[in-house]
Amino acid sequence: MFQAERRSSLLEGAGTLLQLVFHNTVRSIRKTHRDATIAIVYNIFQTMIMVGAFFVLLDILGLRGLAIRGDFLLYVMSGIFVFMTHVKSVGAVMGSEGPTSPMMQHRPMNQVIAVCAAALSAFYIQIISMFTILLLYHLVWTPIEIFDPFGAAMMLVLAWFSGCSVGMVLLGLKPWFPKATAIVMQVYSRANMFASGKMFVANALPAHMIAMFDWNPLFHIIDQGRGYIFVNYNPMKSSLMYPLWVSLVLLAIGIIGVFYTSRRASLSWDAAR
């Protein structure tokens, strides 16, 4: 009944935190389906359908000739993969357990662990899906050549990080405006189908059209990523630092909002919904 509390060292605390994040990441992956493998396969098919749809759409609209010289399907996938990683991470972080969730009643659990687990689960599923599709394409269709694989991977990480930052802002607002936040999330994901610029080559756009896209960090990430993927493309109308700074600012705002909300959380919020 009574037991003395033993203070753990910094190393033990870090190990416990990593263990909790790991188990909650596995739990987050299984939210879509009881079998984690089925959840990943479902995401693979979802990504493949989107790649196929945009491939046919760009071909019908006659935009194939405006693409970067090289593998056209790889050009399509370079935009879809980054877009999916960004949008999925936004939804995962925004949908993580809040301060009034029943999981927060367990002592080792806290919102930091919930957010980290949700973000890592989304990133893990997207990475597995991307590598599976690229491997099948490489083995079945044609060998893939990427100019700078490390740079392309860093753009994928930046897309995930920027998505987590946007998700943190929405997570802080969700307890106060649950319905409005859900609508904002849907509008944001639908708007990025076009505003991310994944169907266009930034260098080929005129100045008046660049102004329609350059506010969006995802537009810069996709364009910079294509510069690392294709040897004959040098992005000149996008910036690498802009999405990084915007993501850091949004992350700071999101952290402030989440901690402000958690200190004023009430169980009646969930009961009223």
C-alpha atoms as a PDB file:
ATOM      1  CA  MET A   1       0.000   0.000   0.000  1.00  0.00           C
ATOM      2  CA  PHE A   2       2.770   2.380   0.960  1.00  0.00           C
ATOM      3  CA  GLN A   3       6.049   2.409  -0.877  1.00  0.00           C
ATOM      4  CA  ALA A   4       8.953   4.780  -1.036  1.00  0.00           C
ATOM      5  CA  GLU A   5       9.398   6.577  -4.311  1.00  0.00           C
ATOM      6  CA  ARG A   6      12.824   6.007  -5.792  1.00  0.00           C
ATOM      7  CA  ARG A   7      14.279   8.756  -7.926  1.00  0.00           C
ATOM      8  CA  SER A   8      15.475   7.457 -11.266  1.00  0.00           C
ATOM      9  CA  SER A   9      18.611   8.662 -12.971  1.00  0.00           C
ATOM     10  CA  LEU A  10      18.569  10.696 -16.174  1.00  0.00           C
ATOM     11  CA  LEU A  11      19.572   7.638 -18.207  1.00  0.00           C
ATOM     12  CA  GLU A  12      16.822   5.492 -16.646  1.00  0.00           C
ATOM     13  CA  GLY A  13      14.261   8.222 -17.267  1.00  0.00           C
ATOM     14  CA  ALA A  14      15.284   8.495 -20.910  1.00  0.00           C
ATOM     15  CA  GLY A  15      15.049   4.720 -21.298  1.00  0.00           C
ATOM     16  CA  THR A  16      11.575   4.665 -19.764  1.00  0.00           C
ATOM     17  CA  LEU A  17      10.461   7.504 -22.017  1.00  0.00           C
ATOM     18  CA  LEU A  18      11.740   5.749 -25.145  1.00  0.00           C
ATOM     19  CA  GLN A  19      10.045   2.519 -24.089  1.00  0.00           C
ATOM     20  CA  LEU A  20       6.725   4.291 -23.576  1.00  0.00           C
ATOM     21  CA  VAL A  21       7.037   6.059 -26.938  1.00  0.00           C
ATOM     22  CA  PHE A  22       7.785   2.722 -28.631  1.00  0.00           C
ATOM     23  CA  HIS A  23       4.769   0.917 -27.161  1.00  0.00           C
ATOM     24  CA  ASN A  24       2.464   3.839 -27.886  1.00  0.00           C
ATOM     25  CA  THR A  25       3.790   4.036 -31.444  1.00  0.00           C
ATOM     26  CA  VAL A  26       2.836   0.387 -31.967  1.00  0.00           C
ATOM     27  CA  ARG A  27      -0.575   1.139 -30.480  1.00  0.00           C
ATOM     28  CA  SER A  28      -1.028   4.114 -32.818  1.00  0.00           C
ATOM     29  CA  ILE A  29      -0.161   1.990 -35.853  1.00  0.00           C
ATOM     30  CA  ARG A  30      -2.797  -0.572 -34.848  1.00  0.00           C
ATOM     31  CA  LYS A  31      -5.519   2.061 -34.570  1.00  0.00           C
ATOM     32  CA  THR A  32      -6.321   1.673 -38.267  1.00  0.00           C
ATOM     33  CA  HIS A  33      -6.493  -2.119 -38.036  1.00  0.00           C
ATOM     34  CA  ARG A  34      -5.887  -4.718 -35.342  1.00  0.00           C
ATOM     35  CA  ASP A  35      -3.121  -6.178 -37.499  1.00  0.00           C
ATOM     36  CA  ALA A  36      -0.334  -3.641 -38.071  1.00  0.00           C
ATOM     37  CA  THR A  37       0.590  -5.341 -41.364  1.00  0.00           C
ATOM     38  CA  ILE A  38      -2.905  -4.787 -42.748  1.00  0.00           C
ATOM     39  CA  ALA A  39      -2.736  -1.134 -41.733  1.00  0.00           C
ATOM     40  CA  ILE A  40       0.512  -0.703 -43.681  1.00  0.00           C
ATOM     41  CA  VAL A  41      -0.847  -2.597 -46.718  1.00  0.00           C
ATOM     42  CA  TYR A  42      -3.923  -0.364 -46.688  1.00  0.00           C
ATOM     43  CA  ASN A  43      -1.723   2.731 -46.747  1.00  0.00           C
ATOM     44  CA  ILE A  44       0.367   1.271 -49.589  1.00  0.00           C
ATOM     45  CA  PHE A  45      -2.737   0.741 -51.725  1.00  0.00           C
ATOM     46  CA  GLN A  46      -3.989   4.230 -50.870  1.00  0.00           C
ATOM     47  CA  THR A  47      -0.683   5.748 -51.994  1.00  0.00           C
ATOM     48  CA  MET A  48      -0.568   3.633 -55.164  1.00  0.00           C
ATOM     49  CA  ILE A  49      -4.100   4.688 -56.102  1.00  0.00           C
ATOM     50  CA  MET A  50      -3.199   8.359 -55.683  1.00  0.00           C
ATOM     51  CA  VAL A  51      -0.014   7.931 -57.751  1.00  0.00           C
ATOM     52  CA  GLY A  52      -1.960   6.179 -60.506  1.00  0.00           C
ATOM     53  CA  ALA A  53      -4.722   8.787 -60.486  1.00  0.00           C
ATOM     54  CA  PHE A  54      -2.299  11.710 -60.801  1.00  0.00           C
ATOM     55  CA  PHE A  55      -0.294   9.868 -63.467  1.00  0.00           C
ATOM     56  CA  VAL A  56      -3.425   9.454 -65.610  1.00  0.00           C
ATOM     57  CA  LEU A  57      -4.633  12.998 -64.845  1.00  0.00           C
ATOM     58  CA  LEU A  58      -1.365  14.653 -65.879  1.00  0.00           C
ATOM     59  CA  ASP A  59      -1.207  12.510 -68.990  1.00  0.00           C
ATOM     60  CA  ILE A  60      -4.779  13.409 -70.015  1.00  0.00           C
ATOM     61  CA  LEU A  61      -4.241  17.128 -69.361  1.00  0.00           C
ATOM     62  CA  GLY A  62      -1.141  17.095 -71.539  1.00  0.00           C
ATOM     63  CA  LEU A  63       1.172  18.173 -68.722  1.00  0.00           C
ATOM     64  CA  ARG A  64       3.567  15.318 -69.265  1.00  0.00           C
ATOM     65  CA  GLY A  65       5.739  17.415 -71.561  1.00  0.00           C
ATOM     66  CA  LEU A  66       6.086  20.094 -68.857  1.00  0.00           C
ATOM     67  CA  ALA A  67       7.495  17.658 -66.309  1.00  0.00           C
ATOM     68  CA  ILE A  68      11.181  17.363 -65.448  1.00  0.00           C
ATOM     69  CA  ARG A  69      13.179  15.498 -68.076  1.00  0.00           C
ATOM     70  CA  GLY A  70      13.589  11.985 -66.777  1.00  0.00           C
ATOM     71  CA  ASP A  71      11.333   9.306 -65.317  1.00  0.00           C
ATOM     72  CA  PHE A  72       7.809  10.748 -65.430  1.00  0.00           C
ATOM     73  CA  LEU A  73       6.356   8.307 -62.873  1.00  0.00           C
ATOM     74  CA  LEU A  74       9.192   9.080 -60.471  1.00  0.00           C
ATOM     75  CA  TYR A  75       8.347  12.769 -60.963  1.00  0.00           C
ATOM     76  CA  VAL A  76       4.732  12.046 -59.954  1.00  0.00           C
ATOM     77  CA  MET A  77       5.792   9.949 -56.970  1.00  0.00           C
ATOM     78  CA  SER A  78       8.218  12.643 -55.782  1.00  0.00           C
ATOM     79  CA  GLY A  79       5.249  14.931 -55.149  1.00  0.00           C
ATOM     80  CA  ILE A  80       2.777  12.329 -53.885  1.00  0.00           C
ATOM     81  CA  PHE A  81       5.131  10.823 -51.290  1.00  0.00           C
ATOM     82  CA  VAL A  82       5.992  14.194 -49.773  1.00  0.00           C
ATOM     83  CA  PHE A  83       2.349  15.293 -49.845  1.00  0.00           C
ATOM     84  CA  MET A  84       1.129  12.084 -48.166  1.00  0.00           C
ATOM     85  CA  THR A  85       3.834  12.251 -45.496  1.00  0.00           C
ATOM     86  CA  HIS A  86       2.936  15.850 -44.665  1.00  0.00           C
ATOM     87  CA  VAL A  87      -0.835  15.391 -44.571  1.00  0.00           C
ATOM     88  CA  LYS A  88      -0.710  12.089 -42.657  1.00  0.00           C
ATOM     89  CA  SER A  89       1.560  13.589 -39.996  1.00  0.00           C
ATOM     90  CA  VAL A  90      -0.794  16.571 -39.590  1.00  0.00           C
ATOM     91  CA  GLY A  91      -3.752  14.250 -39.041  1.00  0.00           C
ATOM     92  CA  ALA A  92      -1.833  11.913 -36.721  1.00  0.00           C
ATOM     93  CA  VAL A  93      -0.559  14.661 -34.412  1.00  0.00           C
ATOM     94  CA  MET A  94      -3.899  16.462 -34.375  1.00  0.00           C
ATOM     95  CA  GLY A  95      -5.678  13.178 -33.587  1.00  0.00           C
ATOM     96  CA  SER A  96      -3.371  12.162 -30.721  1.00  0.00           C
ATOM     97  CA  GLU A  97      -4.712  11.798 -27.184  1.00  0.00           C
ATOM     98  CA  GLY A  98      -5.488  15.064 -25.451  1.00  0.00           C
ATOM     99  CA  PRO A  99      -5.206  15.952 -21.760  1.00  0.00           C
ATOM    100  CA  THR A 100      -8.682  14.533 -20.986  1.00  0.00           C
ATOM    101  CA  SER A 101      -8.104  11.186 -22.705  1.00  0.00           C
ATOM    102  CA  PRO A 102      -8.505   8.065 -20.506  1.00  0.00           C
ATOM    103  CA  MET A 103      -4.926   7.092 -21.395  1.00  0.00           C
ATOM    104  CA  MET A 104      -3.699  10.171 -19.522  1.00  0.00           C
ATOM    105  CA  GLN A 105      -5.033   8.710 -16.264  1.00  0.00           C
ATOM    106  CA  HIS A 106      -2.077   6.303 -16.216  1.00  0.00           C
ATOM    107  CA  ARG A 107       0.817   7.851 -14.363  1.00  0.00           C
ATOM    108  CA  PRO A 108       3.695   7.248 -16.819  1.00  0.00           C
ATOM    109  CA  MET A 109       1.618   8.540 -19.729  1.00  0.00           C
ATOM    110  CA  ASN A 110       1.663  12.191 -20.769  1.00  0.00           C
ATOM    111  CA  GLN A 111       0.811  14.238 -23.824  1.00  0.00           C
ATOM    112  CA  VAL A 112       4.418  14.471 -25.000  1.00  0.00           C
ATOM    113  CA  ILE A 113       4.542  10.681 -25.321  1.00  0.00           C
ATOM    114  CA  ALA A 114       1.175  10.630 -27.117  1.00  0.00           C
ATOM    115  CA  VAL A 115       2.264  13.253 -29.661  1.00  0.00           C
ATOM    116  CA  CYS A 116       5.646  11.606 -30.289  1.00  0.00           C
ATOM    117  CA  ALA A 117       4.015   8.195 -30.746  1.00  0.00           C
ATOM    118  CA  ALA A 118       1.407   9.536 -33.178  1.00  0.00           C
ATOM    119  CA  ALA A 119       4.044  11.381 -35.227  1.00  0.00           C
ATOM    120  CA  LEU A 120       6.432   8.427 -35.363  1.00  0.00           C
ATOM    121  CA  SER A 121       3.670   5.971 -36.294  1.00  0.00           C
ATOM    122  CA  ALA A 122       2.602   8.156 -39.228  1.00  0.00           C
ATOM    123  CA  PHE A 123       6.208   8.528 -40.392  1.00  0.00           C
ATOM    124  CA  TYR A 124       6.889   4.797 -40.037  1.00  0.00           C
ATOM    125  CA  ILE A 125       3.854   3.828 -42.114  1.00  0.00           C
ATOM    126  CA  GLN A 126       4.726   6.317 -44.839  1.00  0.00           C
ATOM    127  CA  ILE A 127       8.378   5.210 -45.008  1.00  0.00           C
ATOM    128  CA  ILE A 128       7.417   1.529 -45.288  1.00  0.00           C
ATOM    129  CA  SER A 129       4.804   2.345 -47.940  1.00  0.00           C
ATOM    130  CA  MET A 130       7.234   4.479 -49.953  1.00  0.00           C
ATOM    131  CA  PHE A 131      10.037   1.926 -49.914  1.00  0.00           C
ATOM    132  CA  THR A 132       7.644  -0.885 -50.866  1.00  0.00           C
ATOM    133  CA  ILE A 133       6.285   1.034 -53.872  1.00  0.00           C
ATOM    134  CA  LEU A 134       9.748   2.146 -55.002  1.00  0.00           C
ATOM    135  CA  LEU A 135      11.117  -1.393 -54.649  1.00  0.00           C
ATOM    136  CA  LEU A 136       8.281  -2.858 -56.713  1.00  0.00           C
ATOM    137  CA  TYR A 137       8.749  -0.161 -59.348  1.00  0.00           C
ATOM    138  CA  HIS A 138      12.511  -0.744 -59.400  1.00  0.00           C
ATOM    139  CA  LEU A 139      12.221  -4.530 -59.740  1.00  0.00           C
ATOM    140  CA  VAL A 140       9.172  -4.848 -61.981  1.00  0.00           C
ATOM    141  CA  TRP A 141       9.209  -1.760 -64.213  1.00  0.00           C
ATOM    142  CA  THR A 142      12.519   0.080 -64.509  1.00  0.00           C
ATOM    143  CA  PRO A 143      15.584   0.761 -62.327  1.00  0.00           C
ATOM    144  CA  ILE A 144      15.354   3.951 -60.277  1.00  0.00           C
ATOM    145  CA  GLU A 145      18.182   6.470 -60.251  1.00  0.00           C
ATOM    146  CA  ILE A 146      18.181   9.222 -57.611  1.00  0.00           C
ATOM    147  CA  PHE A 147      20.811  11.950 -57.900  1.00  0.00           C
ATOM    148  CA  ASP A 148      21.171  12.624 -54.139  1.00  0.00           C
ATOM    149  CA  PRO A 149      19.320  10.035 -52.012  1.00  0.00           C
ATOM    150  CA  PHE A 150      20.352  11.627 -48.717  1.00  0.00           C
ATOM    151  CA  GLY A 151      19.081  15.066 -49.740  1.00  0.00           C
ATOM    152  CA  ALA A 152      15.808  13.578 -50.998  1.00  0.00           C
ATOM    153  CA  ALA A 153      15.381  11.710 -47.697  1.00  0.00           C
ATOM    154  CA  MET A 154      15.975  14.920 -45.733  1.00  0.00           C
ATOM    155  CA  MET A 155      13.186  16.637 -47.700  1.00  0.00           C
ATOM    156  CA  LEU A 156      10.874  13.793 -46.709  1.00  0.00           C
ATOM    157  CA  VAL A 157      11.881  14.291 -43.066  1.00  0.00           C
ATOM    158  CA  LEU A 158      11.277  18.036 -43.424  1.00  0.00           C
ATOM    159  CA  ALA A 159       7.811  17.371 -44.858  1.00  0.00           C
ATOM    160  CA  TRP A 160       7.070  15.147 -41.843  1.00  0.00           C
ATOM    161  CA  PHE A 161       8.420  17.734 -39.425  1.00  0.00           C
ATOM    162  CA  SER A 162       6.397  20.550 -40.983  1.00  0.00           C
ATOM    163  CA  GLY A 163       3.282  18.375 -40.833  1.00  0.00           C
ATOM    164  CA  CYS A 164       3.887  17.687 -37.145  1.00  0.00           C
ATOM    165  CA  SER A 165       4.242  21.442 -36.548  1.00  0.00           C
ATOM    166  CA  VAL A 166       0.919  22.192 -38.233  1.00  0.00           C
ATOM    167  CA  GLY A 167      -0.652  19.313 -36.308  1.00  0.00           C
ATOM    168  CA  MET A 168       0.613  20.736 -33.002  1.00  0.00           C
ATOM    169  CA  VAL A 169      -1.152  24.033 -33.686  1.00  0.00           C
ATOM    170  CA  LEU A 170      -4.394  22.219 -34.493  1.00  0.00           C
ATOM    171  CA  LEU A 171      -3.976  19.981 -31.439  1.00  0.00           C
ATOM    172  CA  GLY A 172      -3.778  23.026 -29.197  1.00  0.00           C
ATOM    173  CA  LEU A 173      -6.959  24.448 -30.749  1.00  0.00           C
ATOM    174  CA  LYS A 174      -8.935  21.195 -30.886  1.00  0.00           C
ATOM    175  CA  PRO A 175     -10.241  21.124 -27.272  1.00  0.00           C
ATOM    176  CA  TRP A 176     -11.532  24.690 -27.636  1.00  0.00           C
ATOM    177  CA  PHE A 177     -12.967  24.416 -31.154  1.00  0.00           C
ATOM    178  CA  PRO A 178     -13.350  20.687 -31.964  1.00  0.00           C
ATOM    179  CA  LYS A 179     -15.692  20.990 -34.964  1.00  0.00           C
ATOM    180  CA  ALA A 180     -13.962  24.034 -36.441  1.00  0.00           C
ATOM    181  CA  THR A 181     -10.563  22.355 -36.119  1.00  0.00           C
ATOM    182  CA  ALA A 182     -11.796  19.255 -37.953  1.00  0.00           C
ATOM    183  CA  ILE A 183     -13.091  21.465 -40.775  1.00  0.00           C
ATOM    184  CA  VAL A 184      -9.788  23.356 -40.931  1.00  0.00           C
ATOM    185  CA  MET A 185      -7.926  20.044 -41.182  1.00  0.00           C
ATOM    186  CA  GLN A 186     -10.103  18.882 -44.068  1.00  0.00           C
ATOM    187  CA  VAL A 187      -9.793  22.204 -45.894  1.00  0.00           C
ATOM    188  CA  TYR A 188      -6.019  22.242 -45.370  1.00  0.00           C
ATOM    189  CA  SER A 189      -5.523  18.733 -46.746  1.00  0.00           C
ATOM    190  CA  ARG A 190      -7.835  19.326 -49.720  1.00  0.00           C
ATOM    191  CA  ALA A 191      -6.239  22.695 -50.514  1.00  0.00           C
ATOM    192  CA  ASN A 192      -2.774  21.129 -50.537  1.00  0.00           C
ATOM    193  CA  MET A 193      -3.876  18.779 -53.308  1.00  0.00           C
ATOM    194  CA  PHE A 194      -3.388  21.840 -55.531  1.00  0.00           C
ATOM    195  CA  ALA A 195      -1.483  24.384 -53.416  1.00  0.00           C
ATOM    196  CA  SER A 196       1.466  22.043 -52.808  1.00  0.00           C
ATOM    197  CA  GLY A 197       2.399  22.400 -56.471  1.00  0.00           C
ATOM    198  CA  LYS A 198       3.141  18.715 -56.902  1.00  0.00           C
ATOM    199  CA  MET A 199       1.601  18.768 -60.393  1.00  0.00           C
ATOM    200  CA  PHE A 200       3.854  21.577 -61.635  1.00  0.00           C
ATOM    201  CA  VAL A 201       7.521  22.361 -62.069  1.00  0.00           C
ATOM    202  CA  ALA A 202       8.263  25.546 -60.138  1.00  0.00           C
ATOM    203  CA  ASN A 203      10.951  26.733 -62.574  1.00  0.00           C
ATOM    204  CA  ALA A 204       8.428  26.631 -65.433  1.00  0.00           C
ATOM    205  CA  LEU A 205       5.808  28.759 -63.646  1.00  0.00           C
ATOM    206  CA  PRO A 206       5.490  32.487 -64.406  1.00  0.00           C
ATOM    207  CA  ALA A 207       5.936  35.011 -61.605  1.00  0.00           C
ATOM    208  CA  HIS A 208       2.212  35.661 -61.115  1.00  0.00           C
ATOM    209  CA  MET A 209       1.598  31.936 -60.560  1.00  0.00           C
ATOM    210  CA  ILE A 210       4.554  31.522 -58.194  1.00  0.00           C
ATOM    211  CA  ALA A 211       2.817  33.991 -55.859  1.00  0.00           C
ATOM    212  CA  MET A 212      -0.074  31.503 -55.600  1.00  0.00           C
ATOM    213  CA  PHE A 213       2.172  28.772 -54.207  1.00  0.00           C
ATOM    214  CA  ASP A 214       5.276  30.204 -52.515  1.00  0.00           C
ATOM    215  CA  TRP A 215       3.419  30.911 -49.243  1.00  0.00           C
ATOM    216  CA  ASN A 216       3.088  27.149 -48.770  1.00  0.00           C
ATOM    217  CA  PRO A 217       6.109  25.430 -47.156  1.00  0.00           C
ATOM    218  CA  LEU A 218       5.100  22.147 -48.800  1.00  0.00           C
ATOM    219  CA  PHE A 219       5.556  23.745 -52.235  1.00  0.00           C
ATOM    220  CA  HIS A 220       9.163  24.601 -51.391  1.00  0.00           C
ATOM    221  CA  ILE A 221       9.838  21.138 -49.937  1.00  0.00           C
ATOM    222  CA  ILE A 222       8.533  19.306 -53.026  1.00  0.00           C
ATOM    223  CA  ASP A 223      10.455  21.532 -55.411  1.00  0.00           C
ATOM    224  CA  GLN A 224      13.690  21.276 -53.427  1.00  0.00           C
ATOM    225  CA  GLY A 225      13.224  17.506 -53.178  1.00  0.00           C
ATOM    226  CA  ARG A 226      12.984  17.214 -56.960  1.00  0.00           C
ATOM    227  CA  GLY A 227      16.284  19.037 -57.175  1.00  0.00           C
ATOM    228  CA  TYR A 228      17.859  16.238 -55.137  1.00  0.00           C
ATOM    229  CA  ILE A 229      16.090  13.489 -57.092  1.00  0.00           C
ATOM    230  CA  PHE A 230      16.735  14.619 -60.683  1.00  0.00           C
ATOM    231  CA  VAL A 231      20.256  15.366 -61.849  1.00  0.00           C
ATOM    232  CA  ASN A 232      19.112  17.847 -64.513  1.00  0.00           C
ATOM    233  CA  TYR A 233      16.865  19.987 -62.315  1.00  0.00           C
ATOM    234  CA  ASN A 234      18.063  22.939 -60.254  1.00  0.00           C
ATOM    235  CA  PRO A 235      15.272  24.595 -58.184  1.00  0.00           C
ATOM    236  CA  MET A 236      15.557  28.362 -58.527  1.00  0.00           C
ATOM    237  CA  LYS A 237      12.131  29.591 -57.389  1.00  0.00           C
ATOM    238  CA  SER A 238      11.907  27.861 -54.031  1.00  0.00           C
ATOM    239  CA  SER A 239      13.793  28.082 -50.748  1.00  0.00           C
ATOM    240  CA  LEU A 240      15.121  25.425 -48.411  1.00  0.00           C
ATOM    241  CA  MET A 241      15.176  27.587 -45.278  1.00  0.00           C
ATOM    242  CA  TYR A 242      11.654  29.002 -45.610  1.00  0.00           C
ATOM    243  CA  PRO A 243       9.797  25.749 -44.734  1.00  0.00           C
ATOM    244  CA  LEU A 244      12.272  25.051 -41.924  1.00  0.00           C
ATOM    245  CA  TRP A 245      11.737  28.423 -40.242  1.00  0.00           C
ATOM    246  CA  VAL A 246       7.967  28.291 -40.734  1.00  0.00           C
ATOM    247  CA  SER A 247       7.892  24.804 -39.206  1.00  0.00           C
ATOM    248  CA  LEU A 248       9.934  25.917 -36.189  1.00  0.00           C
ATOM    249  CA  VAL A 249       7.652  28.904 -35.604  1.00  0.00           C
ATOM    250  CA  LEU A 250       4.507  26.772 -35.905  1.00  0.00           C
ATOM    251  CA  LEU A 251       6.006  24.161 -33.590  1.00  0.00           C
ATOM    252  CA  ALA A 252       6.724  26.811 -30.938  1.00  0.00           C
ATOM    253  CA  ILE A 253       3.169  28.172 -31.242  1.00  0.00           C
ATOM    254  CA  GLY A 254       1.763  24.664 -31.086  1.00  0.00           C
ATOM    255  CA  ILE A 255       3.753  23.719 -27.971  1.00  0.00           C
ATOM    256  CA  ILE A 256       2.592  26.888 -26.203  1.00  0.00           C
ATOM    257  CA  GLY A 257      -1.006  26.185 -27.193  1.00  0.00           C
ATOM    258  CA  VAL A 258      -0.904  22.528 -26.109  1.00  0.00           C
ATOM    259  CA  PHE A 259       0.599  23.296 -22.688  1.00  0.00           C
ATOM    260  CA  TYR A 260      -1.822  26.185 -22.169  1.00  0.00           C
ATOM    261  CA  THR A 261      -4.734  23.891 -23.000  1.00  0.00           C
ATOM    262  CA  SER A 262      -3.478  21.008 -20.846  1.00  0.00           C
ATOM    263  CA  ARG A 263      -3.277  23.254 -17.762  1.00  0.00           C
ATOM    264  CA  ARG A 264      -6.931  24.227 -18.227  1.00  0.00           C
ATOM    265  CA  ALA A 265      -8.260  20.840 -19.290  1.00  0.00           C
ATOM    266  CA  SER A 266     -11.498  19.558 -17.844  1.00  0.00           C
ATOM    267  CA  LEU A 267     -13.094  16.127 -18.092  1.00  0.00           C
ATOM    268  CA  SER A 268     -16.395  17.849 -18.853  1.00  0.00           C
ATOM    269  CA  TRP A 269     -15.033  18.704 -22.315  1.00  0.00           C
ATOM    270  CA  ASP A 270     -15.215  15.078 -23.404  1.00  0.00           C
ATOM    271  CA  ALA A 271     -18.513  14.525 -21.599  1.00  0.00           C
ATOM    272  CA  ALA A 272     -20.136  17.397 -23.495  1.00  0.00           C
ATOM    273  CA  ARG A 273     -19.284  15.987 -26.918  1.00  0.00           C
END
